[in-house]
N, C-alpha and C. Protein backbone atom coordinates (compact mmCIF):
# COMPACT_ATOMS: atom_id res chain seq x y z
N MET A 1 53.88 190.82 -2.19
CA MET A 1 54.01 189.84 -1.11
C MET A 1 54.28 188.45 -1.70
N LYS A 2 55.36 187.83 -1.23
CA LYS A 2 55.69 186.50 -1.71
C LYS A 2 54.71 185.48 -1.15
N LYS A 3 54.18 184.67 -2.04
CA LYS A 3 53.21 183.66 -1.64
C LYS A 3 53.90 182.50 -0.93
N ILE A 4 53.20 181.93 0.05
CA ILE A 4 53.66 180.73 0.73
C ILE A 4 53.12 179.53 -0.04
N LYS A 5 53.99 178.79 -0.71
CA LYS A 5 53.57 177.62 -1.47
C LYS A 5 53.32 176.47 -0.50
N CYS A 6 52.13 175.88 -0.58
CA CYS A 6 51.79 174.82 0.37
C CYS A 6 51.13 173.63 -0.31
N ILE A 7 51.20 172.51 0.40
CA ILE A 7 50.54 171.27 0.00
C ILE A 7 49.57 170.88 1.10
N ILE A 8 48.42 170.36 0.72
CA ILE A 8 47.43 169.84 1.67
C ILE A 8 47.29 168.35 1.40
N LEU A 9 47.55 167.54 2.42
CA LEU A 9 47.47 166.08 2.28
C LEU A 9 46.65 165.50 3.41
N ASP A 10 45.61 164.76 3.03
CA ASP A 10 44.77 164.06 3.99
C ASP A 10 44.11 162.91 3.26
N ASP A 11 43.93 161.77 3.95
CA ASP A 11 43.31 160.64 3.27
C ASP A 11 41.79 160.77 3.17
N GLU A 12 41.22 161.81 3.78
CA GLU A 12 39.78 162.05 3.70
C GLU A 12 39.50 163.19 2.72
N PRO A 13 38.80 162.93 1.62
CA PRO A 13 38.53 163.98 0.62
C PRO A 13 37.85 165.21 1.21
N LEU A 14 36.93 165.00 2.16
CA LEU A 14 36.24 166.15 2.75
C LEU A 14 37.20 167.03 3.55
N ALA A 15 38.16 166.41 4.20
CA ALA A 15 39.17 167.17 4.96
C ALA A 15 40.04 167.98 4.01
N VAL A 16 40.40 167.40 2.87
CA VAL A 16 41.19 168.12 1.86
C VAL A 16 40.40 169.32 1.36
N ASP A 17 39.13 169.10 1.04
CA ASP A 17 38.29 170.19 0.53
C ASP A 17 38.13 171.30 1.56
N LEU A 18 37.98 170.92 2.83
CA LEU A 18 37.80 171.92 3.88
C LEU A 18 39.05 172.80 4.01
N LEU A 19 40.21 172.18 4.11
CA LEU A 19 41.44 172.96 4.26
C LEU A 19 41.75 173.77 3.00
N LYS A 20 41.40 173.22 1.85
CA LYS A 20 41.59 173.98 0.60
C LYS A 20 40.72 175.24 0.62
N SER A 21 39.50 175.12 1.13
CA SER A 21 38.62 176.29 1.21
C SER A 21 39.16 177.31 2.20
N TYR A 22 39.75 176.83 3.30
CA TYR A 22 40.38 177.74 4.26
C TYR A 22 41.58 178.45 3.62
N ALA A 23 42.39 177.67 2.91
CA ALA A 23 43.60 178.22 2.30
C ALA A 23 43.27 179.27 1.25
N ASP A 24 42.18 179.06 0.53
CA ASP A 24 41.77 180.02 -0.50
C ASP A 24 41.39 181.37 0.08
N LYS A 25 41.09 181.39 1.37
CA LYS A 25 40.74 182.65 2.04
C LYS A 25 41.98 183.37 2.59
N GLN A 26 43.13 182.72 2.52
CA GLN A 26 44.38 183.29 3.01
C GLN A 26 45.18 183.82 1.81
N LEU A 27 45.25 185.14 1.69
CA LEU A 27 45.88 185.74 0.52
C LEU A 27 47.36 185.36 0.38
N GLN A 28 48.01 185.05 1.50
CA GLN A 28 49.44 184.75 1.44
C GLN A 28 49.73 183.31 1.03
N LEU A 29 48.68 182.47 0.96
CA LEU A 29 48.88 181.06 0.62
C LEU A 29 48.64 180.79 -0.86
N GLU A 30 49.47 179.92 -1.42
CA GLU A 30 49.25 179.39 -2.77
C GLU A 30 49.27 177.86 -2.67
N VAL A 31 48.12 177.25 -2.85
CA VAL A 31 48.04 175.79 -2.76
C VAL A 31 48.50 175.20 -4.10
N VAL A 32 49.63 174.53 -4.09
CA VAL A 32 50.15 173.94 -5.32
C VAL A 32 49.67 172.51 -5.51
N LEU A 33 49.21 171.90 -4.41
CA LEU A 33 48.69 170.53 -4.49
C LEU A 33 47.80 170.26 -3.29
N ALA A 34 46.60 169.76 -3.55
CA ALA A 34 45.68 169.34 -2.49
C ALA A 34 45.17 167.96 -2.88
N THR A 35 45.48 166.96 -2.08
CA THR A 35 45.25 165.59 -2.53
C THR A 35 45.08 164.63 -1.36
N THR A 36 44.52 163.45 -1.68
CA THR A 36 44.46 162.34 -0.72
C THR A 36 45.54 161.31 -1.02
N ASP A 37 46.31 161.53 -2.07
CA ASP A 37 47.29 160.55 -2.55
C ASP A 37 48.69 160.92 -2.06
N VAL A 38 49.19 160.18 -1.10
CA VAL A 38 50.51 160.46 -0.53
C VAL A 38 51.62 160.31 -1.56
N PHE A 39 51.43 159.38 -2.51
CA PHE A 39 52.47 159.17 -3.52
C PHE A 39 52.50 160.30 -4.55
N GLU A 40 51.40 160.96 -4.74
CA GLU A 40 51.38 162.15 -5.58
C GLU A 40 52.20 163.26 -4.93
N VAL A 41 52.10 163.36 -3.61
CA VAL A 41 52.88 164.34 -2.87
C VAL A 41 54.38 164.01 -2.95
N ILE A 42 54.72 162.74 -2.78
CA ILE A 42 56.12 162.32 -2.87
C ILE A 42 56.69 162.66 -4.24
N ASP A 43 55.94 162.35 -5.28
CA ASP A 43 56.39 162.65 -6.64
C ASP A 43 56.61 164.15 -6.83
N TYR A 44 55.70 164.95 -6.29
CA TYR A 44 55.83 166.40 -6.42
C TYR A 44 57.08 166.91 -5.69
N LEU A 45 57.27 166.45 -4.45
CA LEU A 45 58.39 166.94 -3.64
C LEU A 45 59.74 166.49 -4.16
N GLN A 46 59.76 165.43 -4.94
CA GLN A 46 61.01 165.00 -5.55
C GLN A 46 61.43 165.90 -6.71
N LYS A 47 60.48 166.71 -7.19
CA LYS A 47 60.75 167.57 -8.35
C LYS A 47 60.67 169.06 -8.01
N GLN A 48 59.86 169.41 -7.01
CA GLN A 48 59.60 170.80 -6.69
C GLN A 48 59.79 171.04 -5.19
N THR A 49 59.93 172.31 -4.82
CA THR A 49 60.00 172.65 -3.41
C THR A 49 58.77 173.45 -3.01
N VAL A 50 58.39 173.32 -1.75
CA VAL A 50 57.29 174.10 -1.20
C VAL A 50 57.73 174.70 0.13
N ASP A 51 56.93 175.59 0.65
CA ASP A 51 57.26 176.22 1.93
C ASP A 51 56.65 175.48 3.12
N LEU A 52 55.45 174.93 2.92
CA LEU A 52 54.69 174.39 4.05
C LEU A 52 53.80 173.24 3.58
N ILE A 53 53.71 172.20 4.42
CA ILE A 53 52.86 171.06 4.10
C ILE A 53 51.90 170.82 5.26
N PHE A 54 50.62 170.86 4.97
CA PHE A 54 49.59 170.47 5.94
C PHE A 54 49.40 168.97 5.77
N ILE A 55 49.75 168.22 6.81
CA ILE A 55 49.86 166.78 6.64
C ILE A 55 49.08 166.02 7.69
N ASP A 56 48.35 164.99 7.26
CA ASP A 56 47.66 164.09 8.18
C ASP A 56 48.66 163.06 8.69
N ILE A 57 48.44 162.56 9.89
CA ILE A 57 49.34 161.56 10.46
C ILE A 57 48.94 160.15 10.06
N GLN A 58 47.69 159.80 10.30
CA GLN A 58 47.23 158.43 10.02
C GLN A 58 46.67 158.34 8.62
N MET A 59 47.44 157.68 7.74
CA MET A 59 46.99 157.43 6.37
C MET A 59 47.26 155.97 6.05
N PRO A 60 46.46 155.37 5.20
CA PRO A 60 46.52 153.91 5.03
C PRO A 60 47.79 153.38 4.37
N GLU A 61 48.36 154.10 3.41
CA GLU A 61 49.49 153.55 2.66
C GLU A 61 50.84 153.97 3.22
N LEU A 62 50.91 155.19 3.71
CA LEU A 62 52.15 155.72 4.28
C LEU A 62 51.76 156.76 5.31
N SER A 63 52.31 156.67 6.49
CA SER A 63 51.92 157.61 7.54
C SER A 63 52.56 158.98 7.33
N GLY A 64 51.97 159.98 7.97
CA GLY A 64 52.55 161.30 7.92
C GLY A 64 53.94 161.34 8.51
N ILE A 65 54.17 160.55 9.56
CA ILE A 65 55.50 160.46 10.17
C ILE A 65 56.52 159.96 9.16
N GLN A 66 56.17 158.93 8.41
CA GLN A 66 57.08 158.38 7.41
C GLN A 66 57.39 159.40 6.32
N LEU A 67 56.38 160.15 5.90
CA LEU A 67 56.61 161.16 4.87
C LEU A 67 57.50 162.28 5.40
N MET A 68 57.29 162.67 6.66
CA MET A 68 58.14 163.70 7.25
C MET A 68 59.59 163.23 7.35
N GLN A 69 59.78 161.95 7.63
CA GLN A 69 61.13 161.41 7.68
C GLN A 69 61.83 161.57 6.34
N MET A 70 61.08 161.44 5.27
CA MET A 70 61.65 161.51 3.92
C MET A 70 61.99 162.94 3.51
N PHE A 71 61.19 163.91 3.97
CA PHE A 71 61.33 165.27 3.45
C PHE A 71 61.53 166.31 4.56
N ASN A 72 61.98 165.87 5.72
CA ASN A 72 62.12 166.78 6.86
C ASN A 72 63.17 167.86 6.64
N LYS A 73 64.19 167.57 5.86
CA LYS A 73 65.30 168.51 5.69
C LYS A 73 64.87 169.81 5.02
N ASP A 74 63.98 169.72 4.04
CA ASP A 74 63.69 170.87 3.19
C ASP A 74 62.30 171.45 3.37
N ASN A 75 61.50 170.91 4.28
CA ASN A 75 60.11 171.34 4.37
C ASN A 75 59.69 171.57 5.82
N TYR A 76 58.70 172.45 5.98
CA TYR A 76 58.05 172.65 7.27
C TYR A 76 56.65 172.07 7.20
N PHE A 77 56.14 171.66 8.37
CA PHE A 77 54.87 170.95 8.41
C PHE A 77 53.92 171.54 9.44
N VAL A 78 52.63 171.51 9.11
CA VAL A 78 51.58 171.65 10.10
C VAL A 78 50.89 170.30 10.16
N VAL A 79 50.98 169.65 11.30
CA VAL A 79 50.42 168.31 11.47
C VAL A 79 48.97 168.42 11.89
N LYS A 80 48.11 167.63 11.25
CA LYS A 80 46.69 167.62 11.61
C LYS A 80 46.25 166.17 11.76
N THR A 81 45.53 165.89 12.84
CA THR A 81 45.12 164.53 13.12
C THR A 81 43.98 164.53 14.13
N ALA A 82 43.31 163.41 14.21
CA ALA A 82 42.27 163.24 15.22
C ALA A 82 42.83 162.63 16.50
N TYR A 83 44.15 162.34 16.51
CA TYR A 83 44.74 161.62 17.63
C TYR A 83 45.85 162.44 18.27
N ALA A 84 45.64 162.84 19.52
CA ALA A 84 46.64 163.66 20.22
C ALA A 84 47.90 162.87 20.55
N ASP A 85 47.83 161.54 20.52
CA ASP A 85 48.96 160.70 20.91
C ASP A 85 50.20 160.92 20.04
N TYR A 86 50.01 161.44 18.83
CA TYR A 86 51.13 161.59 17.91
C TYR A 86 51.88 162.91 18.09
N ALA A 87 51.41 163.76 18.97
CA ALA A 87 52.00 165.10 19.09
C ALA A 87 53.48 165.04 19.41
N LEU A 88 53.87 164.27 20.41
CA LEU A 88 55.26 164.22 20.85
C LEU A 88 56.17 163.69 19.75
N GLU A 89 55.74 162.62 19.08
CA GLU A 89 56.56 162.03 18.02
C GLU A 89 56.72 162.99 16.85
N SER A 90 55.67 163.70 16.50
CA SER A 90 55.72 164.58 15.33
C SER A 90 56.67 165.75 15.55
N TYR A 91 56.89 166.13 16.80
CA TYR A 91 57.76 167.26 17.07
C TYR A 91 59.25 166.92 16.97
N ASP A 92 59.57 165.71 16.55
CA ASP A 92 60.94 165.39 16.18
C ASP A 92 61.26 165.94 14.80
N TYR A 93 60.27 166.49 14.13
CA TYR A 93 60.44 166.98 12.76
C TYR A 93 60.20 168.49 12.71
N ARG A 94 60.26 169.05 11.52
CA ARG A 94 60.15 170.51 11.37
C ARG A 94 58.68 170.92 11.39
N VAL A 95 58.06 170.70 12.53
CA VAL A 95 56.64 170.98 12.72
C VAL A 95 56.48 172.34 13.39
N VAL A 96 55.71 173.21 12.76
CA VAL A 96 55.49 174.55 13.34
C VAL A 96 54.18 174.64 14.10
N ASP A 97 53.28 173.68 13.86
CA ASP A 97 52.03 173.66 14.62
C ASP A 97 51.40 172.28 14.54
N TYR A 98 50.50 172.02 15.47
CA TYR A 98 49.85 170.70 15.58
C TYR A 98 48.36 170.95 15.79
N LEU A 99 47.54 170.51 14.85
CA LEU A 99 46.11 170.78 14.89
C LEU A 99 45.32 169.49 15.09
N LEU A 100 44.46 169.50 16.10
CA LEU A 100 43.56 168.37 16.32
C LEU A 100 42.26 168.59 15.56
N LYS A 101 41.81 167.55 14.87
CA LYS A 101 40.53 167.63 14.16
C LYS A 101 39.39 167.60 15.18
N PRO A 102 38.25 168.24 14.89
CA PRO A 102 37.95 169.04 13.70
C PRO A 102 38.69 170.38 13.74
N ILE A 103 39.07 170.86 12.57
CA ILE A 103 39.88 172.07 12.47
C ILE A 103 39.00 173.24 12.03
N SER A 104 38.98 174.27 12.85
CA SER A 104 38.21 175.47 12.52
C SER A 104 39.06 176.40 11.66
N PHE A 105 38.42 177.36 11.03
CA PHE A 105 39.16 178.34 10.24
C PHE A 105 40.10 179.14 11.13
N ASP A 106 39.65 179.45 12.34
CA ASP A 106 40.48 180.22 13.26
C ASP A 106 41.77 179.49 13.59
N LYS A 107 41.68 178.18 13.86
CA LYS A 107 42.89 177.39 14.15
C LYS A 107 43.80 177.34 12.93
N PHE A 108 43.21 177.18 11.77
CA PHE A 108 43.99 177.14 10.53
C PHE A 108 44.73 178.46 10.32
N HIS A 109 44.01 179.55 10.50
CA HIS A 109 44.60 180.88 10.33
C HIS A 109 45.76 181.10 11.30
N LYS A 110 45.60 180.67 12.54
CA LYS A 110 46.67 180.83 13.53
C LYS A 110 47.90 180.00 13.16
N SER A 111 47.69 178.84 12.56
CA SER A 111 48.82 178.02 12.12
C SER A 111 49.60 178.71 11.01
N VAL A 112 48.89 179.31 10.08
CA VAL A 112 49.55 180.05 9.00
C VAL A 112 50.35 181.21 9.59
N GLN A 113 49.76 181.89 10.58
CA GLN A 113 50.44 183.02 11.21
C GLN A 113 51.69 182.56 11.95
N LYS A 114 51.60 181.39 12.62
CA LYS A 114 52.78 180.85 13.31
C LYS A 114 53.92 180.61 12.33
N PHE A 115 53.56 180.03 11.18
CA PHE A 115 54.59 179.77 10.17
C PHE A 115 55.20 181.08 9.66
N THR A 116 54.36 182.07 9.40
CA THR A 116 54.83 183.37 8.92
C THR A 116 55.77 184.01 9.93
N ASP A 117 55.38 183.98 11.20
CA ASP A 117 56.23 184.54 12.25
C ASP A 117 57.55 183.78 12.36
N PHE A 118 57.46 182.47 12.25
CA PHE A 118 58.62 181.59 12.35
C PHE A 118 59.64 181.92 11.25
N VAL A 119 59.17 182.02 10.01
CA VAL A 119 60.06 182.31 8.88
C VAL A 119 60.63 183.71 9.00
N THR A 120 59.81 184.66 9.46
CA THR A 120 60.29 186.04 9.62
C THR A 120 61.45 186.10 10.60
N LEU A 121 61.34 185.37 11.69
CA LEU A 121 62.43 185.34 12.67
C LEU A 121 63.68 184.70 12.08
N GLU A 122 63.48 183.63 11.32
CA GLU A 122 64.64 182.94 10.73
C GLU A 122 65.39 183.83 9.75
N THR A 123 64.66 184.65 8.99
CA THR A 123 65.30 185.48 7.98
C THR A 123 65.97 186.70 8.59
N HIS A 124 65.75 186.95 9.88
CA HIS A 124 66.40 188.07 10.54
C HIS A 124 67.57 187.57 11.40
N ASN A 125 68.43 186.79 10.75
CA ASN A 125 69.67 186.32 11.36
C ASN A 125 69.44 185.45 12.59
N HIS A 126 68.35 184.75 12.65
CA HIS A 126 68.11 183.79 13.71
C HIS A 126 67.68 182.47 13.08
N LEU A 127 67.83 181.41 13.83
CA LEU A 127 67.27 180.14 13.40
C LEU A 127 66.71 179.42 14.62
N PHE A 128 65.83 178.49 14.35
CA PHE A 128 65.22 177.72 15.42
C PHE A 128 65.79 176.31 15.41
N VAL A 129 66.08 175.80 16.61
CA VAL A 129 66.52 174.42 16.77
C VAL A 129 65.59 173.75 17.78
N LYS A 130 65.42 172.46 17.59
CA LYS A 130 64.48 171.73 18.44
C LYS A 130 65.22 171.11 19.61
N VAL A 131 64.87 171.54 20.81
CA VAL A 131 65.51 171.07 22.05
C VAL A 131 64.42 170.54 22.98
N ASP A 132 64.44 169.24 23.24
CA ASP A 132 63.43 168.62 24.13
C ASP A 132 62.01 168.97 23.69
N GLY A 133 61.76 168.93 22.38
CA GLY A 133 60.42 169.19 21.87
C GLY A 133 60.06 170.65 21.72
N ARG A 134 60.94 171.57 22.18
CA ARG A 134 60.68 173.01 22.07
C ARG A 134 61.49 173.59 20.91
N GLN A 135 60.90 174.59 20.24
CA GLN A 135 61.63 175.34 19.23
C GLN A 135 62.37 176.48 19.94
N VAL A 136 63.70 176.41 19.94
CA VAL A 136 64.52 177.40 20.63
C VAL A 136 65.19 178.30 19.60
N LYS A 137 65.03 179.60 19.75
CA LYS A 137 65.62 180.56 18.82
C LYS A 137 67.05 180.88 19.23
N ILE A 138 67.98 180.78 18.27
CA ILE A 138 69.36 181.15 18.55
C ILE A 138 69.88 182.03 17.42
N ASN A 139 70.87 182.83 17.72
CA ASN A 139 71.55 183.63 16.73
C ASN A 139 72.81 182.88 16.31
N PRO A 140 72.99 182.56 15.02
CA PRO A 140 74.19 181.83 14.59
C PRO A 140 75.49 182.49 15.03
N LYS A 141 75.48 183.80 15.20
CA LYS A 141 76.70 184.51 15.60
C LYS A 141 77.12 184.15 17.03
N ASP A 142 76.20 183.57 17.81
CA ASP A 142 76.53 183.17 19.18
C ASP A 142 77.16 181.78 19.25
N ILE A 143 77.06 181.03 18.16
CA ILE A 143 77.61 179.67 18.15
C ILE A 143 79.13 179.71 18.09
N ILE A 144 79.77 178.96 18.96
CA ILE A 144 81.24 178.85 18.92
C ILE A 144 81.64 177.64 18.09
N PHE A 145 81.11 176.48 18.43
CA PHE A 145 81.31 175.32 17.56
C PHE A 145 80.16 174.34 17.76
N ILE A 146 80.07 173.39 16.86
CA ILE A 146 79.00 172.39 16.86
C ILE A 146 79.64 171.02 16.80
N GLU A 147 79.15 170.14 17.63
CA GLU A 147 79.74 168.81 17.79
C GLU A 147 78.75 167.75 17.34
N GLY A 148 79.19 166.83 16.50
CA GLY A 148 78.33 165.76 16.04
C GLY A 148 78.28 164.61 17.03
N LEU A 149 77.06 164.12 17.31
CA LEU A 149 76.87 163.01 18.25
C LEU A 149 75.95 161.97 17.63
N SER A 150 76.40 161.32 16.58
CA SER A 150 75.59 160.33 15.87
C SER A 150 74.34 160.98 15.31
N ASP A 151 73.15 160.69 15.86
CA ASP A 151 71.91 161.26 15.35
C ASP A 151 71.61 162.63 15.94
N TYR A 152 72.46 163.11 16.80
CA TYR A 152 72.25 164.40 17.46
C TYR A 152 73.46 165.30 17.23
N ILE A 153 73.27 166.58 17.50
CA ILE A 153 74.40 167.51 17.54
C ILE A 153 74.36 168.27 18.86
N ARG A 154 75.52 168.73 19.30
CA ARG A 154 75.61 169.57 20.49
C ARG A 154 76.11 170.95 20.04
N ILE A 155 75.28 171.96 20.25
CA ILE A 155 75.63 173.32 19.87
C ILE A 155 76.25 174.02 21.08
N HIS A 156 77.48 174.45 20.93
CA HIS A 156 78.20 175.08 22.03
C HIS A 156 78.07 176.60 21.90
N LEU A 157 77.37 177.20 22.85
CA LEU A 157 77.20 178.65 22.94
C LEU A 157 78.07 179.15 24.10
N PRO A 158 78.26 180.46 24.22
CA PRO A 158 79.13 180.96 25.30
C PRO A 158 78.75 180.47 26.70
N ASN A 159 77.43 180.37 26.97
CA ASN A 159 77.02 180.04 28.34
C ASN A 159 76.13 178.80 28.44
N GLU A 160 75.95 178.09 27.36
CA GLU A 160 75.13 176.87 27.42
C GLU A 160 75.44 175.97 26.24
N ARG A 161 74.99 174.72 26.36
CA ARG A 161 75.12 173.75 25.29
C ARG A 161 73.73 173.19 25.01
N LEU A 162 73.36 173.09 23.74
CA LEU A 162 72.05 172.62 23.34
C LEU A 162 72.19 171.29 22.59
N ILE A 163 71.42 170.29 23.02
CA ILE A 163 71.38 169.00 22.33
C ILE A 163 70.20 169.03 21.36
N VAL A 164 70.49 168.84 20.07
CA VAL A 164 69.49 168.99 19.01
C VAL A 164 69.44 167.73 18.16
N LEU A 165 68.23 167.30 17.82
CA LEU A 165 68.06 166.15 16.93
C LEU A 165 68.34 166.60 15.49
N ASP A 166 69.56 166.38 15.04
CA ASP A 166 69.98 166.79 13.69
C ASP A 166 71.33 166.15 13.44
N ASN A 167 71.91 166.37 12.27
CA ASN A 167 73.26 165.88 12.01
C ASN A 167 74.07 166.99 11.37
N LEU A 168 75.39 166.87 11.43
CA LEU A 168 76.26 167.94 10.96
C LEU A 168 76.08 168.22 9.48
N LYS A 169 75.91 167.18 8.69
CA LYS A 169 75.78 167.34 7.24
C LYS A 169 74.60 168.22 6.89
N ASP A 170 73.46 168.00 7.54
CA ASP A 170 72.27 168.80 7.26
C ASP A 170 72.33 170.16 7.93
N PHE A 171 72.86 170.20 9.15
CA PHE A 171 72.81 171.44 9.91
C PHE A 171 73.69 172.53 9.31
N ILE A 172 74.83 172.15 8.73
CA ILE A 172 75.72 173.17 8.18
C ILE A 172 75.05 173.92 7.03
N ASN A 173 74.08 173.27 6.37
CA ASN A 173 73.37 173.93 5.27
C ASN A 173 72.40 175.01 5.78
N LYS A 174 72.11 174.99 7.08
CA LYS A 174 71.22 176.00 7.66
C LYS A 174 71.99 177.22 8.15
N LEU A 175 73.31 177.14 8.11
CA LEU A 175 74.16 178.20 8.65
C LEU A 175 74.70 179.09 7.54
N PRO A 176 75.03 180.34 7.85
CA PRO A 176 75.66 181.21 6.85
C PRO A 176 76.96 180.59 6.35
N SER A 177 77.03 180.29 5.06
CA SER A 177 78.13 179.49 4.52
C SER A 177 79.50 180.13 4.69
N LYS A 178 79.57 181.46 4.70
CA LYS A 178 80.86 182.14 4.81
C LYS A 178 81.32 182.31 6.26
N GLU A 179 80.49 181.92 7.20
CA GLU A 179 80.81 182.14 8.61
C GLU A 179 81.18 180.86 9.35
N PHE A 180 80.90 179.70 8.76
CA PHE A 180 81.16 178.43 9.43
C PHE A 180 81.95 177.50 8.50
N MET A 181 82.71 176.59 9.12
CA MET A 181 83.50 175.65 8.34
C MET A 181 83.54 174.30 9.05
N ARG A 182 83.39 173.25 8.29
CA ARG A 182 83.57 171.89 8.81
C ARG A 182 85.06 171.65 8.93
N ILE A 183 85.53 171.32 10.11
CA ILE A 183 86.97 171.12 10.34
C ILE A 183 87.31 169.69 10.73
N HIS A 184 86.28 168.86 10.87
CA HIS A 184 86.46 167.49 11.36
C HIS A 184 85.16 166.76 11.08
N LYS A 185 85.20 165.44 10.99
CA LYS A 185 83.96 164.71 10.77
C LYS A 185 82.95 164.93 11.88
N SER A 186 83.45 165.39 13.05
CA SER A 186 82.57 165.59 14.20
C SER A 186 82.44 167.04 14.63
N TYR A 187 83.03 168.00 13.87
CA TYR A 187 83.01 169.38 14.34
C TYR A 187 82.82 170.40 13.20
N ILE A 188 82.02 171.41 13.52
CA ILE A 188 81.89 172.63 12.70
C ILE A 188 82.24 173.79 13.62
N ILE A 189 82.99 174.77 13.10
CA ILE A 189 83.36 175.91 13.93
C ILE A 189 82.96 177.22 13.26
N GLN A 190 82.61 178.21 14.07
CA GLN A 190 82.39 179.54 13.52
C GLN A 190 83.74 180.23 13.36
N LEU A 191 84.00 180.71 12.16
CA LEU A 191 85.32 181.23 11.83
C LEU A 191 85.70 182.44 12.68
N ASP A 192 84.73 183.27 13.00
CA ASP A 192 85.03 184.47 13.80
C ASP A 192 85.43 184.13 15.23
N LYS A 193 85.13 182.91 15.67
CA LYS A 193 85.44 182.51 17.05
C LYS A 193 86.83 181.91 17.19
N ILE A 194 87.51 181.71 16.06
CA ILE A 194 88.86 181.13 16.11
C ILE A 194 89.84 182.16 16.68
N LYS A 195 90.56 181.77 17.73
CA LYS A 195 91.57 182.65 18.33
C LYS A 195 92.97 182.32 17.82
N SER A 196 93.24 181.04 17.64
CA SER A 196 94.56 180.64 17.12
C SER A 196 94.48 179.21 16.60
N ILE A 197 95.48 178.87 15.79
CA ILE A 197 95.60 177.51 15.26
C ILE A 197 97.02 177.04 15.52
N ASP A 198 97.13 175.88 16.14
CA ASP A 198 98.46 175.34 16.46
C ASP A 198 98.45 173.86 16.10
N GLY A 199 99.19 173.52 15.04
CA GLY A 199 99.21 172.14 14.59
C GLY A 199 97.84 171.69 14.14
N ASN A 200 97.35 170.65 14.78
CA ASN A 200 96.04 170.11 14.42
C ASN A 200 94.93 170.56 15.35
N MET A 201 95.15 171.65 16.07
CA MET A 201 94.15 172.14 17.02
C MET A 201 93.76 173.58 16.72
N ILE A 202 92.46 173.84 16.85
CA ILE A 202 91.94 175.20 16.75
C ILE A 202 91.52 175.63 18.15
N TYR A 203 91.94 176.83 18.56
CA TYR A 203 91.64 177.31 19.91
C TYR A 203 90.59 178.42 19.85
N HIS A 204 89.70 178.38 20.83
CA HIS A 204 88.59 179.34 20.92
C HIS A 204 88.27 179.56 22.39
N ASP A 205 87.21 180.32 22.67
CA ASP A 205 86.89 180.68 24.06
C ASP A 205 86.55 179.49 24.94
N LEU A 206 86.10 178.40 24.35
CA LEU A 206 85.71 177.24 25.15
C LEU A 206 86.81 176.18 25.21
N GLY A 207 87.98 176.50 24.68
CA GLY A 207 89.08 175.53 24.72
C GLY A 207 89.64 175.28 23.34
N SER A 208 89.66 174.01 22.93
CA SER A 208 90.23 173.66 21.63
C SER A 208 89.40 172.59 20.94
N THR A 209 89.54 172.52 19.62
CA THR A 209 88.81 171.56 18.80
C THR A 209 89.78 171.01 17.75
N PRO A 210 89.81 169.69 17.54
CA PRO A 210 90.78 169.13 16.59
C PRO A 210 90.40 169.36 15.13
N ILE A 211 91.43 169.41 14.29
CA ILE A 211 91.24 169.47 12.84
C ILE A 211 91.41 168.06 12.29
N GLY A 212 90.42 167.58 11.57
CA GLY A 212 90.50 166.24 10.99
C GLY A 212 91.42 166.22 9.77
N GLU A 213 92.03 165.07 9.53
CA GLU A 213 92.98 164.93 8.42
C GLU A 213 92.35 165.34 7.09
N THR A 214 91.12 164.96 6.88
CA THR A 214 90.42 165.24 5.62
C THR A 214 90.19 166.74 5.42
N TYR A 215 90.17 167.50 6.50
CA TYR A 215 89.78 168.92 6.43
C TYR A 215 90.96 169.87 6.54
N LYS A 216 92.19 169.35 6.62
CA LYS A 216 93.37 170.20 6.80
C LYS A 216 93.54 171.20 5.66
N ASN A 217 93.31 170.74 4.42
CA ASN A 217 93.51 171.63 3.28
C ASN A 217 92.53 172.80 3.29
N GLU A 218 91.29 172.53 3.72
CA GLU A 218 90.30 173.60 3.79
C GLU A 218 90.71 174.65 4.82
N VAL A 219 91.23 174.18 5.94
CA VAL A 219 91.69 175.11 6.98
C VAL A 219 92.88 175.92 6.47
N LYS A 220 93.83 175.25 5.79
CA LYS A 220 94.99 175.96 5.24
C LYS A 220 94.56 177.00 4.21
N LYS A 221 93.58 176.63 3.39
CA LYS A 221 93.08 177.56 2.38
C LYS A 221 92.47 178.79 3.04
N TRP A 222 91.73 178.56 4.12
CA TRP A 222 91.11 179.69 4.84
C TRP A 222 92.19 180.58 5.45
N ILE A 223 93.23 179.97 6.04
CA ILE A 223 94.33 180.75 6.61
C ILE A 223 95.01 181.57 5.52
N GLY A 224 95.23 180.94 4.37
CA GLY A 224 95.88 181.63 3.26
C GLY A 224 95.11 182.83 2.77
N ASN A 225 93.80 182.75 2.78
CA ASN A 225 92.98 183.87 2.36
C ASN A 225 93.03 185.02 3.35
N LYS A 226 93.43 184.71 4.60
CA LYS A 226 93.50 185.74 5.63
C LYS A 226 94.85 186.47 5.65
N GLU A 227 95.84 185.88 4.95
CA GLU A 227 97.18 186.47 4.98
C GLU A 227 97.31 187.63 3.99
């Protein structure tokens, strides 16, 4: 069984010790760092990767929100705090659970299980996107194209469109690399959904999408590989 590498961060030493004791009882967890020092965590994450971070929100030198902003792309979080007011803001990030202090072992165990279930679903050809604070499961094969909207993206599915807090540069890394292609500064398309290409336009079931000047060679290369 592959261990879940995790970090425990809280500005209260007793809280760190408590969660470390809980984690030691979970056979699937490997605590690589348990600390009150947020800068120790930053230094670690700049050199190593982990699967999950148990993070406090209110810390004196740098808040949990600020740390999530720095490392949201590559990490998942379980947020723990004594203040329920931060729940909505924290869900703008890759948060799989939100725990209010005091934290019991049962709550901790359920958070670990949520993360395990979440990753299991992702590895079975699904991914989760955050829509209005909810984690929505989608199959990448259902995506026709993705549209960039500054700090948001619009995912175009056959029967609906999802507005997600993300950007094209980061989101394309979450998709199967051989199935999607960036064709414009504002568009990513699923290659299997392409019906035809005419000039600078790609046609699909939802209409057409332009090819950006910078991306023409990539499209030509893909066409050439199909001939």
